[in-house]
């Protein structure tokens, strides 16, 4: 999982990427290509 300050570019890497808020943190998750994971901050 990558830790980035901005997730806008990571959201556009794959068409199945979703931006999700969990426990005060922002995550990018992908159900089909699980390598596209990231967390903000």
C-alpha atoms as a PDB file:
ATOM      1  CA  UNK A   1       0.000   0.000   0.000  1.00  0.00           C
ATOM      2  CA  UNK A   2       1.316   3.412  -0.962  1.00  0.00           C
ATOM      3  CA  UNK A   3       1.018   6.374   1.389  1.00  0.00           C
ATOM      4  CA  UNK A   4       0.520   9.568  -0.615  1.00  0.00           C
ATOM      5  CA  UNK A   5      -0.428  13.143   0.149  1.00  0.00           C
ATOM      6  CA  UNK A   6      -2.771  13.289  -2.856  1.00  0.00           C
ATOM      7  CA  UNK A   7      -4.870  10.413  -4.196  1.00  0.00           C
ATOM      8  CA  UNK A   8      -6.279  12.181  -7.251  1.00  0.00           C
ATOM      9  CA  UNK A   9      -3.751  10.704  -9.684  1.00  0.00           C
ATOM     10  CA  UNK A  10      -3.968   7.226  -8.143  1.00  0.00           C
ATOM     11  CA  UNK A  11      -7.719   7.174  -8.640  1.00  0.00           C
ATOM     12  CA  UNK A  12      -7.227   7.502 -12.393  1.00  0.00           C
ATOM     13  CA  UNK A  13      -4.761   4.605 -12.735  1.00  0.00           C
ATOM     14  CA  UNK A  14      -7.484   2.002 -13.215  1.00  0.00           C
ATOM     15  CA  UNK A  15     -11.180   2.249 -13.994  1.00  0.00           C
ATOM     16  CA  UNK A  16     -12.227   0.195 -10.935  1.00  0.00           C
ATOM     17  CA  UNK A  17     -10.445   2.353  -8.363  1.00  0.00           C
ATOM     18  CA  UNK A  18     -12.676   3.771  -5.645  1.00  0.00           C
ATOM     19  CA  UNK A  19     -11.974   6.457  -3.042  1.00  0.00           C
ATOM     20  CA  UNK A  20     -13.231   5.363   0.390  1.00  0.00           C
ATOM     21  CA  UNK A  21     -13.167   7.042   3.810  1.00  0.00           C
ATOM     22  CA  UNK A  22     -12.512   4.726   6.731  1.00  0.00           C
ATOM     23  CA  UNK A  23     -11.776   5.806  10.302  1.00  0.00           C
ATOM     24  CA  UNK A  24     -10.842   9.329   9.272  1.00  0.00           C
ATOM     25  CA  UNK A  25      -8.416   8.213   6.566  1.00  0.00           C
ATOM     26  CA  UNK A  26      -8.892   8.303   2.817  1.00  0.00           C
ATOM     27  CA  UNK A  27      -8.127   5.122   0.886  1.00  0.00           C
ATOM     28  CA  UNK A  28      -8.024   4.096  -2.761  1.00  0.00           C
ATOM     29  CA  UNK A  29      -9.153   0.478  -3.153  1.00  0.00           C
ATOM     30  CA  UNK A  30      -9.660  -1.739  -6.157  1.00  0.00           C
ATOM     31  CA  UNK A  31     -11.558  -5.023  -6.059  1.00  0.00           C
ATOM     32  CA  UNK A  32     -10.304  -6.404  -9.376  1.00  0.00           C
ATOM     33  CA  UNK A  33      -6.648  -5.239  -9.430  1.00  0.00           C
ATOM     34  CA  UNK A  34      -5.707  -5.425  -5.782  1.00  0.00           C
ATOM     35  CA  UNK A  35      -2.257  -3.917  -6.272  1.00  0.00           C
ATOM     36  CA  UNK A  36      -3.794  -0.456  -6.719  1.00  0.00           C
ATOM     37  CA  UNK A  37      -4.100   0.388  -3.042  1.00  0.00           C
ATOM     38  CA  UNK A  38      -3.198   3.666  -1.383  1.00  0.00           C
ATOM     39  CA  UNK A  39      -3.762   5.673   1.757  1.00  0.00           C
ATOM     40  CA  UNK A  40      -3.671   9.435   2.191  1.00  0.00           C
ATOM     41  CA  UNK A  41      -1.418  11.056   4.801  1.00  0.00           C
END
